[in-house]
Amino acid sequence: MRALPAALVVACLALPSLVHASALRCDNKLVSEGASQVDALAKCGEPVTKQSRTEYVTNKVKAKTPQEEASTEVTRSTTVEEWTYNFGPHRLMQVAIFRDGRLVDVRSGSYGY
């Protein structure tokens, strides 16, 4: 009977590591997923580098009529920007990825300089 409570404690401790939420921490400020570039600039300042590219995303759209089923491909462009923040030699650099001006992901790089 004691194994069950111990297993529940272990499972509860593991849950936060399973959740993937992208956030950029700058000192005591947090820029969460979905935040704008303006918000990131206000909380974290200017990044050391900014890289921008255009990606094209194609989606299939299905239209159903009583006589037939048709599908159309719709392509739209999206702007992706990667901002690199260097917080010094004792912290990992952070790469904030924005899609159309909104934070979608944060990746860790190597140690800063």
PDB file of N, CA and C in Angstrom:
ATOM      1  N   MET A   1       0.801  -1.192   0.000  1.00  0.00           N
ATOM      2  CA  MET A   1       0.000   0.000   0.000  1.00  0.00           C
ATOM      3  C   MET A   1       0.854   1.270   0.000  1.00  0.00           C
ATOM      4  N   ARG A   2       2.063   1.196   0.540  1.00  0.00           N
ATOM      5  CA  ARG A   2       2.925   2.366   0.592  1.00  0.00           C
ATOM      6  C   ARG A   2       3.531   2.673  -0.780  1.00  0.00           C
ATOM      7  N   ALA A   3       3.559   1.711  -1.659  1.00  0.00           N
ATOM      8  CA  ALA A   3       4.139   1.919  -2.994  1.00  0.00           C
ATOM      9  C   ALA A   3       3.270   2.862  -3.820  1.00  0.00           C
ATOM     10  N   LEU A   4       1.958   2.798  -3.625  1.00  0.00           N
ATOM     11  CA  LEU A   4       1.056   3.654  -4.391  1.00  0.00           C
ATOM     12  C   LEU A   4       1.272   5.138  -4.095  1.00  0.00           C
ATOM     13  N   PRO A   5       1.310   5.597  -2.838  1.00  0.00           N
ATOM     14  CA  PRO A   5       1.576   7.020  -2.597  1.00  0.00           C
ATOM     15  C   PRO A   5       2.947   7.462  -3.119  1.00  0.00           C
ATOM     16  N   ALA A   6       3.938   6.603  -2.996  1.00  0.00           N
ATOM     17  CA  ALA A   6       5.271   6.956  -3.493  1.00  0.00           C
ATOM     18  C   ALA A   6       5.250   7.105  -5.011  1.00  0.00           C
ATOM     19  N   ALA A   7       4.521   6.233  -5.691  1.00  0.00           N
ATOM     20  CA  ALA A   7       4.421   6.322  -7.152  1.00  0.00           C
ATOM     21  C   ALA A   7       3.681   7.585  -7.565  1.00  0.00           C
ATOM     22  N   LEU A   8       2.665   7.971  -6.813  1.00  0.00           N
ATOM     23  CA  LEU A   8       1.935   9.207  -7.113  1.00  0.00           C
ATOM     24  C   LEU A   8       2.824  10.441  -6.945  1.00  0.00           C
ATOM     25  N   VAL A   9       3.645  10.452  -5.922  1.00  0.00           N
ATOM     26  CA  VAL A   9       4.557  11.577  -5.702  1.00  0.00           C
ATOM     27  C   VAL A   9       5.539  11.677  -6.853  1.00  0.00           C
ATOM     28  N   VAL A  10       6.106  10.557  -7.269  1.00  0.00           N
ATOM     29  CA  VAL A  10       7.056  10.554  -8.385  1.00  0.00           C
ATOM     30  C   VAL A  10       6.373  11.028  -9.661  1.00  0.00           C
ATOM     31  N   ALA A  11       5.151  10.578  -9.912  1.00  0.00           N
ATOM     32  CA  ALA A  11       4.413  10.981 -11.109  1.00  0.00           C
ATOM     33  C   ALA A  11       4.127  12.483 -11.100  1.00  0.00           C
ATOM     34  N   CYS A  12       3.754  13.022  -9.946  1.00  0.00           N
ATOM     35  CA  CYS A  12       3.468  14.465  -9.851  1.00  0.00           C
ATOM     36  C   CYS A  12       4.725  15.298 -10.060  1.00  0.00           C
ATOM     37  N   LEU A  13       5.852  14.813  -9.594  1.00  0.00           N
ATOM     38  CA  LEU A  13       7.108  15.538  -9.789  1.00  0.00           C
ATOM     39  C   LEU A  13       7.559  15.510 -11.247  1.00  0.00           C
ATOM     40  N   ALA A  14       7.187  14.471 -11.970  1.00  0.00           N
ATOM     41  CA  ALA A  14       7.595  14.335 -13.374  1.00  0.00           C
ATOM     42  C   ALA A  14       6.713  15.164 -14.306  1.00  0.00           C
ATOM     43  N   LEU A  15       5.507  15.501 -13.898  1.00  0.00           N
ATOM     44  CA  LEU A  15       4.581  16.215 -14.780  1.00  0.00           C
ATOM     45  C   LEU A  15       5.115  17.544 -15.298  1.00  0.00           C
ATOM     46  N   PRO A  16       5.700  18.411 -14.477  1.00  0.00           N
ATOM     47  CA  PRO A  16       6.182  19.682 -15.028  1.00  0.00           C
ATOM     48  C   PRO A  16       7.222  19.516 -16.126  1.00  0.00           C
ATOM     49  N   SER A  17       8.018  18.453 -16.086  1.00  0.00           N
ATOM     50  CA  SER A  17       9.028  18.261 -17.122  1.00  0.00           C
ATOM     51  C   SER A  17       8.411  17.800 -18.432  1.00  0.00           C
ATOM     52  N   LEU A  18       7.202  17.284 -18.397  1.00  0.00           N
ATOM     53  CA  LEU A  18       6.532  16.841 -19.615  1.00  0.00           C
ATOM     54  C   LEU A  18       5.862  17.988 -20.358  1.00  0.00           C
ATOM     55  N   VAL A  19       5.578  19.060 -19.652  1.00  0.00           N
ATOM     56  CA  VAL A  19       4.913  20.201 -20.255  1.00  0.00           C
ATOM     57  C   VAL A  19       5.958  21.083 -20.928  1.00  0.00           C
ATOM     58  N   HIS A  20       5.743  21.410 -22.195  1.00  0.00           N
ATOM     59  CA  HIS A  20       6.687  22.245 -22.927  1.00  0.00           C
ATOM     60  C   HIS A  20       6.055  23.620 -23.130  1.00  0.00           C
ATOM     61  N   ALA A  21       6.554  24.566 -22.388  1.00  0.00           N
ATOM     62  CA  ALA A  21       6.076  25.937 -22.555  1.00  0.00           C
ATOM     63  C   ALA A  21       7.296  26.807 -22.819  1.00  0.00           C
ATOM     64  N   SER A  22       7.265  27.529 -23.916  1.00  0.00           N
ATOM     65  CA  SER A  22       8.398  28.375 -24.263  1.00  0.00           C
ATOM     66  C   SER A  22       8.267  29.721 -23.573  1.00  0.00           C
ATOM     67  N   ALA A  23       9.331  30.101 -22.903  1.00  0.00           N
ATOM     68  CA  ALA A  23       9.368  31.409 -22.260  1.00  0.00           C
ATOM     69  C   ALA A  23      10.810  31.878 -22.225  1.00  0.00           C
ATOM     70  N   LEU A  24      10.995  33.165 -22.348  1.00  0.00           N
ATOM     71  CA  LEU A  24      12.314  33.788 -22.313  1.00  0.00           C
ATOM     72  C   LEU A  24      12.438  34.529 -20.997  1.00  0.00           C
ATOM     73  N   ARG A  25      13.431  34.150 -20.197  1.00  0.00           N
ATOM     74  CA  ARG A  25      13.632  34.803 -18.901  1.00  0.00           C
ATOM     75  C   ARG A  25      14.786  35.791 -19.018  1.00  0.00           C
ATOM     76  N   CYS A  26      14.493  37.041 -18.701  1.00  0.00           N
ATOM     77  CA  CYS A  26      15.487  38.109 -18.707  1.00  0.00           C
ATOM     78  C   CYS A  26      15.506  38.716 -17.318  1.00  0.00           C
ATOM     79  N   ASP A  27      16.564  38.433 -16.565  1.00  0.00           N
ATOM     80  CA  ASP A  27      16.652  38.820 -15.155  1.00  0.00           C
ATOM     81  C   ASP A  27      15.420  38.314 -14.425  1.00  0.00           C
ATOM     82  N   ASN A  28      14.595  39.188 -13.888  1.00  0.00           N
ATOM     83  CA  ASN A  28      13.402  38.736 -13.170  1.00  0.00           C
ATOM     84  C   ASN A  28      12.130  38.919 -14.012  1.00  0.00           C
ATOM     85  N   LYS A  29      12.298  39.161 -15.306  1.00  0.00           N
ATOM     86  CA  LYS A  29      11.145  39.345 -16.195  1.00  0.00           C
ATOM     87  C   LYS A  29      10.977  38.117 -17.075  1.00  0.00           C
ATOM     88  N   LEU A  30       9.733  37.827 -17.429  1.00  0.00           N
ATOM     89  CA  LEU A  30       9.419  36.652 -18.230  1.00  0.00           C
ATOM     90  C   LEU A  30       8.628  37.065 -19.464  1.00  0.00           C
ATOM     91  N   VAL A  31       9.087  36.598 -20.631  1.00  0.00           N
ATOM     92  CA  VAL A  31       8.374  36.827 -21.883  1.00  0.00           C
ATOM     93  C   VAL A  31       7.814  35.474 -22.297  1.00  0.00           C
ATOM     94  N   SER A  32       6.503  35.322 -22.236  1.00  0.00           N
ATOM     95  CA  SER A  32       5.864  34.039 -22.479  1.00  0.00           C
ATOM     96  C   SER A  32       5.505  33.835 -23.937  1.00  0.00           C
ATOM     97  N   GLU A  33       5.270  32.582 -24.280  1.00  0.00           N
ATOM     98  CA  GLU A  33       4.848  32.221 -25.622  1.00  0.00           C
ATOM     99  C   GLU A  33       3.609  33.031 -26.005  1.00  0.00           C
ATOM    100  N   GLY A  34       3.620  33.579 -27.219  1.00  0.00           N
ATOM    101  CA  GLY A  34       2.515  34.401 -27.691  1.00  0.00           C
ATOM    102  C   GLY A  34       2.749  35.893 -27.504  1.00  0.00           C
ATOM    103  N   ALA A  35       3.791  36.259 -26.747  1.00  0.00           N
ATOM    104  CA  ALA A  35       4.090  37.678 -26.517  1.00  0.00           C
ATOM    105  C   ALA A  35       4.593  38.318 -27.806  1.00  0.00           C
ATOM    106  N   SER A  36       4.438  39.626 -27.892  1.00  0.00           N
ATOM    107  CA  SER A  36       4.873  40.356 -29.083  1.00  0.00           C
ATOM    108  C   SER A  36       6.357  40.688 -29.000  1.00  0.00           C
ATOM    109  N   GLN A  37       6.915  41.078 -30.145  1.00  0.00           N
ATOM    110  CA  GLN A  37       8.311  41.505 -30.182  1.00  0.00           C
ATOM    111  C   GLN A  37       8.505  42.774 -29.356  1.00  0.00           C
ATOM    112  N   VAL A  38       7.522  43.633 -29.342  1.00  0.00           N
ATOM    113  CA  VAL A  38       7.590  44.864 -28.545  1.00  0.00           C
ATOM    114  C   VAL A  38       7.711  44.525 -27.067  1.00  0.00           C
ATOM    115  N   ASP A  39       6.957  43.528 -26.615  1.00  0.00           N
ATOM    116  CA  ASP A  39       7.017  43.094 -25.225  1.00  0.00           C
ATOM    117  C   ASP A  39       8.404  42.532 -24.906  1.00  0.00           C
ATOM    118  N   ALA A  40       8.958  41.749 -25.821  1.00  0.00           N
ATOM    119  CA  ALA A  40      10.298  41.181 -25.619  1.00  0.00           C
ATOM    120  C   ALA A  40      11.348  42.287 -25.544  1.00  0.00           C
ATOM    121  N   LEU A  41      11.243  43.284 -26.404  1.00  0.00           N
ATOM    122  CA  LEU A  41      12.188  44.403 -26.367  1.00  0.00           C
ATOM    123  C   LEU A  41      12.086  45.171 -25.064  1.00  0.00           C
ATOM    124  N   ALA A  42      10.865  45.384 -24.582  1.00  0.00           N
ATOM    125  CA  ALA A  42      10.661  46.132 -23.341  1.00  0.00           C
ATOM    126  C   ALA A  42      11.231  45.385 -22.136  1.00  0.00           C
ATOM    127  N   LYS A  43      11.111  44.061 -22.122  1.00  0.00           N
ATOM    128  CA  LYS A  43      11.546  43.283 -20.966  1.00  0.00           C
ATOM    129  C   LYS A  43      13.005  42.845 -21.045  1.00  0.00           C
ATOM    130  N   CYS A  44      13.504  42.603 -22.257  1.00  0.00           N
ATOM    131  CA  CYS A  44      14.843  42.030 -22.404  1.00  0.00           C
ATOM    132  C   CYS A  44      15.839  42.948 -23.097  1.00  0.00           C
ATOM    133  N   GLY A  45      15.356  43.998 -23.725  1.00  0.00           N
ATOM    134  CA  GLY A  45      16.252  44.887 -24.461  1.00  0.00           C
ATOM    135  C   GLY A  45      16.569  44.336 -25.844  1.00  0.00           C
ATOM    136  N   GLU A  46      17.535  44.971 -26.494  1.00  0.00           N
ATOM    137  CA  GLU A  46      17.933  44.567 -27.846  1.00  0.00           C
ATOM    138  C   GLU A  46      18.727  43.263 -27.804  1.00  0.00           C
ATOM    139  N   PRO A  47      18.447  42.342 -28.705  1.00  0.00           N
ATOM    140  CA  PRO A  47      19.249  41.117 -28.783  1.00  0.00           C
ATOM    141  C   PRO A  47      20.600  41.407 -29.437  1.00  0.00           C
ATOM    142  N   VAL A  48      21.546  40.486 -29.296  1.00  0.00           N
ATOM    143  CA  VAL A  48      22.852  40.671 -29.935  1.00  0.00           C
ATOM    144  C   VAL A  48      22.745  40.485 -31.438  1.00  0.00           C
ATOM    145  N   THR A  49      21.903  39.568 -31.876  1.00  0.00           N
ATOM    146  CA  THR A  49      21.700  39.370 -33.318  1.00  0.00           C
ATOM    147  C   THR A  49      20.222  39.157 -33.612  1.00  0.00           C
ATOM    148  N   LYS A  50      19.850  39.530 -34.833  1.00  0.00           N
ATOM    149  CA  LYS A  50      18.499  39.279 -35.345  1.00  0.00           C
ATOM    150  C   LYS A  50      18.652  38.693 -36.741  1.00  0.00           C
ATOM    151  N   GLN A  51      17.990  37.575 -36.984  1.00  0.00           N
ATOM    152  CA  GLN A  51      17.974  36.976 -38.311  1.00  0.00           C
ATOM    153  C   GLN A  51      16.520  36.844 -38.735  1.00  0.00           C
ATOM    154  N   SER A  52      16.258  37.164 -39.991  1.00  0.00           N
ATOM    155  CA  SER A  52      14.883  37.137 -40.495  1.00  0.00           C
ATOM    156  C   SER A  52      14.824  36.333 -41.788  1.00  0.00           C
ATOM    157  N   ARG A  53      13.732  35.593 -41.952  1.00  0.00           N
ATOM    158  CA  ARG A  53      13.512  34.848 -43.187  1.00  0.00           C
ATOM    159  C   ARG A  53      12.014  34.740 -43.434  1.00  0.00           C
ATOM    160  N   THR A  54      11.676  34.466 -44.679  1.00  0.00           N
ATOM    161  CA  THR A  54      10.274  34.265 -45.044  1.00  0.00           C
ATOM    162  C   THR A  54      10.064  32.787 -45.319  1.00  0.00           C
ATOM    163  N   GLU A  55       9.029  32.227 -44.735  1.00  0.00           N
ATOM    164  CA  GLU A  55       8.666  30.838 -44.983  1.00  0.00           C
ATOM    165  C   GLU A  55       7.296  30.823 -45.644  1.00  0.00           C
ATOM    166  N   TYR A  56       7.096  29.820 -46.466  1.00  0.00           N
ATOM    167  CA  TYR A  56       5.808  29.660 -47.141  1.00  0.00           C
ATOM    168  C   TYR A  56       5.135  28.400 -46.603  1.00  0.00           C
ATOM    169  N   VAL A  57       3.914  28.557 -46.142  1.00  0.00           N
ATOM    170  CA  VAL A  57       3.154  27.462 -45.557  1.00  0.00           C
ATOM    171  C   VAL A  57       1.983  27.158 -46.470  1.00  0.00           C
ATOM    172  N   THR A  58       1.867  25.884 -46.855  1.00  0.00           N
ATOM    173  CA  THR A  58       0.772  25.463 -47.732  1.00  0.00           C
ATOM    174  C   THR A  58      -0.180  24.562 -46.953  1.00  0.00           C
ATOM    175  N   ASN A  59      -1.457  24.883 -47.006  1.00  0.00           N
ATOM    176  CA  ASN A  59      -2.499  24.081 -46.354  1.00  0.00           C
ATOM    177  C   ASN A  59      -3.503  23.631 -47.392  1.00  0.00           C
ATOM    178  N   LYS A  60      -4.015  22.422 -47.200  1.00  0.00           N
ATOM    179  CA  LYS A  60      -5.079  21.927 -48.070  1.00  0.00           C
ATOM    180  C   LYS A  60      -6.416  22.266 -47.444  1.00  0.00           C
ATOM    181  N   VAL A  61      -7.283  22.840 -48.255  1.00  0.00           N
ATOM    182  CA  VAL A  61      -8.618  23.190 -47.797  1.00  0.00           C
ATOM    183  C   VAL A  61      -9.608  22.351 -48.586  1.00  0.00           C
ATOM    184  N   LYS A  62     -10.432  21.585 -47.873  1.00  0.00           N
ATOM    185  CA  LYS A  62     -11.413  20.730 -48.544  1.00  0.00           C
ATOM    186  C   LYS A  62     -12.763  21.417 -48.593  1.00  0.00           C
ATOM    187  N   ALA A  63     -13.381  21.343 -49.755  1.00  0.00           N
ATOM    188  CA  ALA A  63     -14.729  21.890 -49.935  1.00  0.00           C
ATOM    189  C   ALA A  63     -15.624  20.743 -50.385  1.00  0.00           C
ATOM    190  N   LYS A  64     -16.721  20.569 -49.698  1.00  0.00           N
ATOM    191  CA  LYS A  64     -17.630  19.477 -50.020  1.00  0.00           C
ATOM    192  C   LYS A  64     -18.934  20.053 -50.566  1.00  0.00           C
ATOM    193  N   THR A  65     -19.312  19.599 -51.720  1.00  0.00           N
ATOM    194  CA  THR A  65     -20.603  19.955 -52.305  1.00  0.00           C
ATOM    195  C   THR A  65     -21.408  18.672 -52.435  1.00  0.00           C
ATOM    196  N   PRO A  66     -22.703  18.779 -52.650  1.00  0.00           N
ATOM    197  CA  PRO A  66     -23.500  17.554 -52.794  1.00  0.00           C
ATOM    198  C   PRO A  66     -23.036  16.681 -53.967  1.00  0.00           C
ATOM    199  N   GLN A  67     -22.458  17.274 -54.995  1.00  0.00           N
ATOM    200  CA  GLN A  67     -22.056  16.504 -56.170  1.00  0.00           C
ATOM    201  C   GLN A  67     -20.639  15.930 -56.053  1.00  0.00           C
ATOM    202  N   GLU A  68     -19.733  16.676 -55.435  1.00  0.00           N
ATOM    203  CA  GLU A  68     -18.337  16.229 -55.393  1.00  0.00           C
ATOM    204  C   GLU A  68     -17.592  16.829 -54.205  1.00  0.00           C
ATOM    205  N   GLU A  69     -16.404  16.279 -54.010  1.00  0.00           N
ATOM    206  CA  GLU A  69     -15.522  16.799 -52.975  1.00  0.00           C
ATOM    207  C   GLU A  69     -14.274  17.343 -53.662  1.00  0.00           C
ATOM    208  N   ALA A  70     -13.942  18.576 -53.380  1.00  0.00           N
ATOM    209  CA  ALA A  70     -12.776  19.202 -54.010  1.00  0.00           C
ATOM    210  C   ALA A  70     -11.846  19.730 -52.925  1.00  0.00           C
ATOM    211  N   SER A  71     -10.563  19.778 -53.253  1.00  0.00           N
ATOM    212  CA  SER A  71      -9.605  20.361 -52.312  1.00  0.00           C
ATOM    213  C   SER A  71      -8.753  21.387 -53.055  1.00  0.00           C
ATOM    214  N   THR A  72      -8.412  22.415 -52.326  1.00  0.00           N
ATOM    215  CA  THR A  72      -7.601  23.495 -52.866  1.00  0.00           C
ATOM    216  C   THR A  72      -6.417  23.713 -51.936  1.00  0.00           C
ATOM    217  N   GLU A  73      -5.271  24.015 -52.507  1.00  0.00           N
ATOM    218  CA  GLU A  73      -4.103  24.329 -51.705  1.00  0.00           C
ATOM    219  C   GLU A  73      -3.962  25.845 -51.593  1.00  0.00           C
ATOM    220  N   VAL A  74      -3.808  26.298 -50.363  1.00  0.00           N
ATOM    221  CA  VAL A  74      -3.657  27.715 -50.098  1.00  0.00           C
ATOM    222  C   VAL A  74      -2.262  27.934 -49.515  1.00  0.00           C
ATOM    223  N   THR A  75      -1.474  28.791 -50.150  1.00  0.00           N
ATOM    224  CA  THR A  75      -0.124  29.083 -49.685  1.00  0.00           C
ATOM    225  C   THR A  75      -0.076  30.520 -49.167  1.00  0.00           C
ATOM    226  N   ARG A  76       0.526  30.675 -47.987  1.00  0.00           N
ATOM    227  CA  ARG A  76       0.686  32.016 -47.438  1.00  0.00           C
ATOM    228  C   ARG A  76       2.117  32.151 -46.924  1.00  0.00           C
ATOM    229  N   SER A  77       2.581  33.370 -46.906  1.00  0.00           N
ATOM    230  CA  SER A  77       3.936  33.618 -46.412  1.00  0.00           C
ATOM    231  C   SER A  77       3.879  34.027 -44.947  1.00  0.00           C
ATOM    232  N   THR A  78       4.928  33.678 -44.226  1.00  0.00           N
ATOM    233  CA  THR A  78       5.033  34.038 -42.826  1.00  0.00           C
ATOM    234  C   THR A  78       6.478  34.490 -42.565  1.00  0.00           C
ATOM    235  N   THR A  79       6.644  35.486 -41.738  1.00  0.00           N
ATOM    236  CA  THR A  79       7.968  35.996 -41.408  1.00  0.00           C
ATOM    237  C   THR A  79       8.439  35.362 -40.106  1.00  0.00           C
ATOM    238  N   VAL A  80       9.619  34.768 -40.150  1.00  0.00           N
ATOM    239  CA  VAL A  80      10.217  34.140 -38.970  1.00  0.00           C
ATOM    240  C   VAL A  80      11.478  34.918 -38.613  1.00  0.00           C
ATOM    241  N   GLU A  81      11.560  35.339 -37.344  1.00  0.00           N
ATOM    242  CA  GLU A  81      12.740  36.058 -36.864  1.00  0.00           C
ATOM    243  C   GLU A  81      13.321  35.300 -35.682  1.00  0.00           C
ATOM    244  N   GLU A  82      14.648  35.200 -35.674  1.00  0.00           N
ATOM    245  CA  GLU A  82      15.359  34.578 -34.565  1.00  0.00           C
ATOM    246  C   GLU A  82      16.226  35.640 -33.899  1.00  0.00           C
ATOM    247  N   TRP A  83      15.937  35.900 -32.635  1.00  0.00           N
ATOM    248  CA  TRP A  83      16.689  36.890 -31.859  1.00  0.00           C
ATOM    249  C   TRP A  83      17.561  36.135 -30.858  1.00  0.00           C
ATOM    250  N   THR A  84      18.847  36.435 -30.852  1.00  0.00           N
ATOM    251  CA  THR A  84      19.767  35.784 -29.926  1.00  0.00           C
ATOM    252  C   THR A  84      20.133  36.742 -28.800  1.00  0.00           C
ATOM    253  N   TYR A  85      19.925  36.269 -27.572  1.00  0.00           N
ATOM    254  CA  TYR A  85      20.272  37.032 -26.377  1.00  0.00           C
ATOM    255  C   TYR A  85      21.475  36.395 -25.702  1.00  0.00           C
ATOM    256  N   ASN A  86      22.470  37.218 -25.384  1.00  0.00           N
ATOM    257  CA  ASN A  86      23.685  36.771 -24.721  1.00  0.00           C
ATOM    258  C   ASN A  86      23.672  37.328 -23.299  1.00  0.00           C
ATOM    259  N   PHE A  87      23.552  36.443 -22.321  1.00  0.00           N
ATOM    260  CA  PHE A  87      23.472  36.872 -20.929  1.00  0.00           C
ATOM    261  C   PHE A  87      24.791  36.693 -20.183  1.00  0.00           C
ATOM    262  N   GLY A  88      25.887  36.524 -20.916  1.00  0.00           N
ATOM    263  CA  GLY A  88      27.203  36.423 -20.293  1.00  0.00           C
ATOM    264  C   GLY A  88      27.733  35.007 -20.228  1.00  0.00           C
ATOM    265  N   PRO A  89      28.978  34.853 -19.758  1.00  0.00           N
ATOM    266  CA  PRO A  89      29.656  33.558 -19.806  1.00  0.00           C
ATOM    267  C   PRO A  89      29.132  32.514 -18.824  1.00  0.00           C
ATOM    268  N   HIS A  90      28.302  32.916 -17.880  1.00  0.00           N
ATOM    269  CA  HIS A  90      27.803  31.964 -16.887  1.00  0.00           C
ATOM    270  C   HIS A  90      26.386  31.483 -17.178  1.00  0.00           C
ATOM    271  N   ARG A  91      25.819  31.952 -18.293  1.00  0.00           N
ATOM    272  CA  ARG A  91      24.467  31.535 -18.674  1.00  0.00           C
ATOM    273  C   ARG A  91      24.450  31.130 -20.140  1.00  0.00           C
ATOM    274  N   LEU A  92      23.507  30.273 -20.490  1.00  0.00           N
ATOM    275  CA  LEU A  92      23.353  29.869 -21.882  1.00  0.00           C
ATOM    276  C   LEU A  92      22.708  30.998 -22.678  1.00  0.00           C
ATOM    277  N   MET A  93      23.138  31.152 -23.916  1.00  0.00           N
ATOM    278  CA  MET A  93      22.492  32.122 -24.792  1.00  0.00           C
ATOM    279  C   MET A  93      21.097  31.593 -25.110  1.00  0.00           C
ATOM    280  N   GLN A  94      20.167  32.498 -25.334  1.00  0.00           N
ATOM    281  CA  GLN A  94      18.785  32.136 -25.632  1.00  0.00           C
ATOM    282  C   GLN A  94      18.422  32.661 -27.016  1.00  0.00           C
ATOM    283  N   VAL A  95      17.790  31.810 -27.819  1.00  0.00           N
ATOM    284  CA  VAL A  95      17.331  32.199 -29.146  1.00  0.00           C
ATOM    285  C   VAL A  95      15.805  32.230 -29.106  1.00  0.00           C
ATOM    286  N   ALA A  96      15.258  33.432 -29.226  1.00  0.00           N
ATOM    287  CA  ALA A  96      13.802  33.607 -29.236  1.00  0.00           C
ATOM    288  C   ALA A  96      13.340  33.581 -30.685  1.00  0.00           C
ATOM    289  N   ILE A  97      12.359  32.744 -30.972  1.00  0.00           N
ATOM    290  CA  ILE A  97      11.866  32.593 -32.338  1.00  0.00           C
ATOM    291  C   ILE A  97      10.462  33.195 -32.420  1.00  0.00           C
ATOM    292  N   PHE A  98      10.332  34.163 -33.311  1.00  0.00           N
ATOM    293  CA  PHE A  98       9.070  34.865 -33.513  1.00  0.00           C
ATOM    294  C   PHE A  98       8.515  34.505 -34.885  1.00  0.00           C
ATOM    295  N   ARG A  99       7.232  34.239 -34.945  1.00  0.00           N
ATOM    296  CA  ARG A  99       6.536  34.006 -36.218  1.00  0.00           C
ATOM    297  C   ARG A  99       5.459  35.076 -36.334  1.00  0.00           C
ATOM    298  N   ASP A 100       5.583  35.898 -37.378  1.00  0.00           N
ATOM    299  CA  ASP A 100       4.660  37.010 -37.589  1.00  0.00           C
ATOM    300  C   ASP A 100       4.548  37.900 -36.359  1.00  0.00           C
ATOM    301  N   GLY A 101       5.693  38.138 -35.706  1.00  0.00           N
ATOM    302  CA  GLY A 101       5.738  39.087 -34.591  1.00  0.00           C
ATOM    303  C   GLY A 101       5.369  38.533 -33.237  1.00  0.00           C
ATOM    304  N   ARG A 102       5.099  37.229 -33.127  1.00  0.00           N
ATOM    305  CA  ARG A 102       4.713  36.613 -31.858  1.00  0.00           C
ATOM    306  C   ARG A 102       5.707  35.525 -31.475  1.00  0.00           C
ATOM    307  N   LEU A 103       6.047  35.442 -30.188  1.00  0.00           N
ATOM    308  CA  LEU A 103       6.988  34.437 -29.707  1.00  0.00           C
ATOM    309  C   LEU A 103       6.372  33.050 -29.803  1.00  0.00           C
ATOM    310  N   VAL A 104       7.062  32.138 -30.513  1.00  0.00           N
ATOM    311  CA  VAL A 104       6.553  30.777 -30.668  1.00  0.00           C
ATOM    312  C   VAL A 104       7.463  29.733 -30.038  1.00  0.00           C
ATOM    313  N   ASP A 105       8.755  30.067 -29.826  1.00  0.00           N
ATOM    314  CA  ASP A 105       9.671  29.085 -29.262  1.00  0.00           C
ATOM    315  C   ASP A 105      10.899  29.796 -28.715  1.00  0.00           C
ATOM    316  N   VAL A 106      11.538  29.163 -27.734  1.00  0.00           N
ATOM    317  CA  VAL A 106      12.807  29.645 -27.180  1.00  0.00           C
ATOM    318  C   VAL A 106      13.739  28.449 -27.106  1.00  0.00           C
ATOM    319  N   ARG A 107      14.939  28.610 -27.657  1.00  0.00           N
ATOM    320  CA  ARG A 107      15.932  27.535 -27.647  1.00  0.00           C
ATOM    321  C   ARG A 107      17.181  28.020 -26.944  1.00  0.00           C
ATOM    322  N   SER A 108      17.839  27.105 -26.272  1.00  0.00           N
ATOM    323  CA  SER A 108      19.099  27.433 -25.597  1.00  0.00           C
ATOM    324  C   SER A 108      20.255  27.179 -26.544  1.00  0.00           C
ATOM    325  N   GLY A 109      21.250  28.045 -26.478  1.00  0.00           N
ATOM    326  CA  GLY A 109      22.455  27.879 -27.275  1.00  0.00           C
ATOM    327  C   GLY A 109      23.614  27.502 -26.383  1.00  0.00           C
ATOM    328  N   SER A 110      24.814  27.881 -26.783  1.00  0.00           N
ATOM    329  CA  SER A 110      25.995  27.617 -25.976  1.00  0.00           C
ATOM    330  C   SER A 110      26.132  28.719 -24.922  1.00  0.00           C
ATOM    331  N   TYR A 111      27.168  28.601 -24.105  1.00  0.00           N
ATOM    332  CA  TYR A 111      27.391  29.633 -23.096  1.00  0.00           C
ATOM    333  C   TYR A 111      27.760  30.936 -23.770  1.00  0.00           C
ATOM    334  N   GLY A 112      27.345  32.018 -23.170  1.00  0.00           N
ATOM    335  CA  GLY A 112      27.597  33.348 -23.720  1.00  0.00           C
ATOM    336  C   GLY A 112      29.066  33.738 -23.603  1.00  0.00           C
ATOM    337  N   TYR A 113      29.345  34.932 -23.981  1.00  0.00           N
ATOM    338  CA  TYR A 113      30.717  35.449 -23.942  1.00  0.00           C
ATOM    339  C   TYR A 113      30.752  36.782 -23.254  1.00  0.00           C
TER     340      TYR A 113
END
